[in-house]
Amino acid sequence: MSGPATSRWGEEGVLENLQIRQAGLKVTLPRVKILGLLEESGRRHVSAEDVYKMLLDKGEEIGLATVYRVLTQFESAGLVCRHHFEGGQSVFELNRGGHHDHLVCVRCGKVVEFMDEVIEARQRAIAEQHGFTIEEHALVIYGVCDNRSCRRQAQD
């Protein structure tokens, strides 16, 4: 046996345990399960309700209030980033480092990440022109995605 967390929850939780400890949090079953789910889901932007439903689909009995609490703790510890896109609920994504911006469909909620150095350079130049030092920024562009039903709704 390689340690208490491994013996209690199996080998699949070892990486999650390490990340949780490095973030300064105590390793608990809900934290391990939620972090593992975020890493394996393949979805970048998920709501607390999405996480709760995915846990239910896996047969996990972790309450919605616990999911909200854990995601908020993860945000405070820097493991996830929370976004408040217009017209919707908060969504979370793993903090993988590196800046990126977002395109958000106002019809279906699809989120696309992008990074454009020309836009980044222009933002830095504008801040400098106005005597600002950028500490943090977020660019979210709202529009209609290429999904047929979204396009059809936009034309109506």
Protein backbone atom coordinates (compact mmCIF):
# COMPACT_ATOMS: atom_id res chain seq x y z
CA MET A 1 0.00 0.00 0.00
CA SER A 2 1.35 3.36 -0.95
CA GLY A 3 -0.49 5.68 1.43
CA PRO A 4 -3.80 6.43 3.04
CA ALA A 5 -5.37 8.25 0.08
CA THR A 6 -4.34 5.54 -2.38
CA SER A 7 -5.52 2.71 -0.17
CA ARG A 8 -8.89 4.36 0.45
CA TRP A 9 -9.74 5.44 -3.10
CA GLY A 10 -7.53 3.51 -5.47
CA GLU A 11 -4.79 4.46 -7.88
CA GLU A 12 -7.00 6.72 -10.01
CA GLY A 13 -6.99 9.37 -7.27
CA VAL A 14 -3.21 9.69 -6.79
CA LEU A 15 -2.73 12.65 -9.17
CA GLU A 16 -5.83 14.38 -7.86
CA ASN A 17 -4.65 13.86 -4.27
CA LEU A 18 -1.33 15.51 -5.08
CA GLN A 19 -2.99 18.48 -6.78
CA ILE A 20 -5.40 18.95 -3.88
CA ARG A 21 -2.57 18.84 -1.32
CA GLN A 22 -0.43 21.23 -3.38
CA ALA A 23 -3.38 23.65 -3.41
CA GLY A 24 -3.32 23.58 0.40
CA LEU A 25 -6.55 21.64 0.81
CA LYS A 26 -7.24 18.49 2.78
CA VAL A 27 -7.81 15.42 0.61
CA THR A 28 -11.44 14.33 0.88
CA LEU A 29 -13.45 11.92 -1.22
CA PRO A 30 -15.71 14.64 -2.72
CA ARG A 31 -12.68 16.75 -3.69
CA VAL A 32 -10.90 13.79 -5.29
CA LYS A 33 -14.02 12.71 -7.20
CA ILE A 34 -14.86 16.22 -8.43
CA LEU A 35 -11.31 17.06 -9.52
CA GLY A 36 -10.99 13.69 -11.27
CA LEU A 37 -14.28 14.27 -13.05
CA LEU A 38 -13.20 17.73 -14.23
CA GLU A 39 -9.97 16.28 -15.59
CA GLU A 40 -11.56 13.34 -17.39
CA SER A 41 -14.81 14.90 -18.61
CA GLY A 42 -13.37 16.43 -21.77
CA ARG A 43 -15.62 19.45 -21.20
CA ARG A 44 -13.82 22.67 -20.45
CA HIS A 45 -16.65 24.82 -19.07
CA VAL A 46 -19.08 23.15 -16.69
CA SER A 47 -21.60 24.45 -14.19
CA ALA A 48 -21.95 23.06 -10.68
CA GLU A 49 -25.18 21.43 -11.87
CA ASP A 50 -23.29 19.76 -14.76
CA VAL A 51 -20.74 18.36 -12.29
CA TYR A 52 -23.54 17.13 -10.02
CA LYS A 53 -25.28 15.37 -12.92
CA MET A 54 -22.01 13.77 -14.08
CA LEU A 55 -21.41 12.50 -10.55
CA LEU A 56 -24.93 11.03 -10.42
CA ASP A 57 -24.34 9.34 -13.79
CA LYS A 58 -21.26 7.68 -12.26
CA GLY A 59 -23.24 6.50 -9.24
CA GLU A 60 -21.58 8.96 -6.86
CA GLU A 61 -23.68 10.29 -4.00
CA ILE A 62 -22.28 13.78 -3.54
CA GLY A 63 -24.87 16.50 -2.94
CA LEU A 64 -25.25 19.64 -5.01
CA ALA A 65 -24.37 21.86 -2.02
CA THR A 66 -21.11 19.91 -1.61
CA VAL A 67 -20.35 20.34 -5.32
CA TYR A 68 -20.82 24.12 -5.02
CA ARG A 69 -18.67 24.24 -1.86
CA VAL A 70 -15.85 22.17 -3.41
CA LEU A 71 -15.83 24.20 -6.65
CA THR A 72 -15.65 27.42 -4.62
CA GLN A 73 -12.77 25.98 -2.57
CA PHE A 74 -11.02 24.92 -5.79
CA GLU A 75 -11.47 28.43 -7.16
CA SER A 76 -9.98 30.00 -4.01
CA ALA A 77 -7.06 27.56 -4.20
CA GLY A 78 -6.45 28.34 -7.89
CA LEU A 79 -7.34 24.87 -9.19
CA VAL A 80 -10.29 26.13 -11.25
CA CYS A 81 -11.38 29.41 -12.80
CA ARG A 82 -14.97 30.63 -12.58
CA HIS A 83 -16.55 32.53 -15.45
CA HIS A 84 -19.80 34.47 -15.36
CA PHE A 85 -20.87 34.57 -18.97
CA GLU A 86 -23.86 36.80 -19.71
CA GLY A 87 -27.29 35.22 -19.68
CA GLY A 88 -26.14 32.09 -17.89
CA GLN A 89 -24.90 30.59 -14.72
CA SER A 90 -21.34 30.43 -13.47
CA VAL A 91 -19.16 27.89 -15.23
CA PHE A 92 -15.87 26.44 -14.10
CA GLU A 93 -12.80 25.26 -15.95
CA LEU A 94 -9.58 23.71 -14.72
CA ASN A 95 -6.85 26.27 -14.32
CA ARG A 96 -4.24 24.95 -16.73
CA GLY A 97 -2.28 28.18 -16.70
CA GLY A 98 -1.91 30.40 -19.72
CA HIS A 99 -4.29 33.14 -20.70
CA HIS A 100 -7.09 32.69 -23.21
CA ASP A 101 -10.24 34.52 -24.22
CA HIS A 102 -13.74 33.26 -25.01
CA LEU A 103 -16.41 33.33 -27.71
CA VAL A 104 -19.88 32.59 -26.31
CA CYS A 105 -22.97 31.73 -28.37
CA VAL A 106 -25.95 33.72 -27.10
CA ARG A 107 -28.34 31.03 -28.39
CA CYS A 108 -26.96 27.67 -27.18
CA GLY A 109 -24.24 28.75 -24.74
CA LYS A 110 -21.39 27.10 -26.67
CA VAL A 111 -18.02 28.40 -25.49
CA VAL A 112 -14.92 28.53 -27.69
CA GLU A 113 -11.51 29.44 -26.29
CA PHE A 114 -8.98 31.36 -28.33
CA MET A 115 -5.68 33.17 -27.95
CA ASP A 116 -4.60 35.91 -30.32
CA GLU A 117 -1.31 37.71 -29.71
CA VAL A 118 -2.36 40.67 -31.89
CA ILE A 119 -5.38 41.29 -29.63
CA GLU A 120 -3.24 40.84 -26.52
CA ALA A 121 -0.63 43.32 -27.81
CA ARG A 122 -3.34 45.86 -28.67
CA GLN A 123 -4.85 45.57 -25.18
CA ARG A 124 -1.42 46.16 -23.60
CA ALA A 125 -0.88 49.20 -25.84
CA ILE A 126 -4.28 50.69 -24.97
CA ALA A 127 -3.64 50.19 -21.25
CA GLU A 128 -0.22 51.83 -21.57
CA GLN A 129 -1.69 54.81 -23.49
CA HIS A 130 -4.02 55.42 -20.56
CA GLY A 131 -1.39 54.88 -17.87
CA PHE A 132 -2.71 51.49 -16.77
CA THR A 133 -0.75 48.44 -15.79
CA ILE A 134 -2.80 45.34 -16.59
CA GLU A 135 -3.04 42.97 -13.67
CA GLU A 136 -5.76 40.78 -15.10
CA HIS A 137 -8.22 40.92 -17.95
CA ALA A 138 -10.89 38.89 -19.67
CA LEU A 139 -12.24 39.24 -23.17
CA VAL A 140 -15.59 37.60 -23.91
CA ILE A 141 -17.14 38.01 -27.34
CA TYR A 142 -20.85 37.22 -27.57
CA GLY A 143 -22.36 36.14 -30.87
CA VAL A 144 -24.09 33.33 -32.71
CA CYS A 145 -22.23 30.08 -33.40
CA ASP A 146 -22.32 28.12 -36.65
CA ASN A 147 -24.94 25.64 -35.39
CA ARG A 148 -27.89 25.64 -37.83
CA SER A 149 -30.56 26.09 -35.17
CA CYS A 150 -28.66 29.01 -33.65
CA ARG A 151 -28.28 30.66 -37.07
CA ARG A 152 -31.97 30.08 -37.82
CA GLN A 153 -32.97 31.69 -34.50
CA ALA A 154 -30.73 34.66 -35.25
CA GLN A 155 -32.47 35.25 -38.59
CA ASP A 156 -35.99 35.10 -37.12
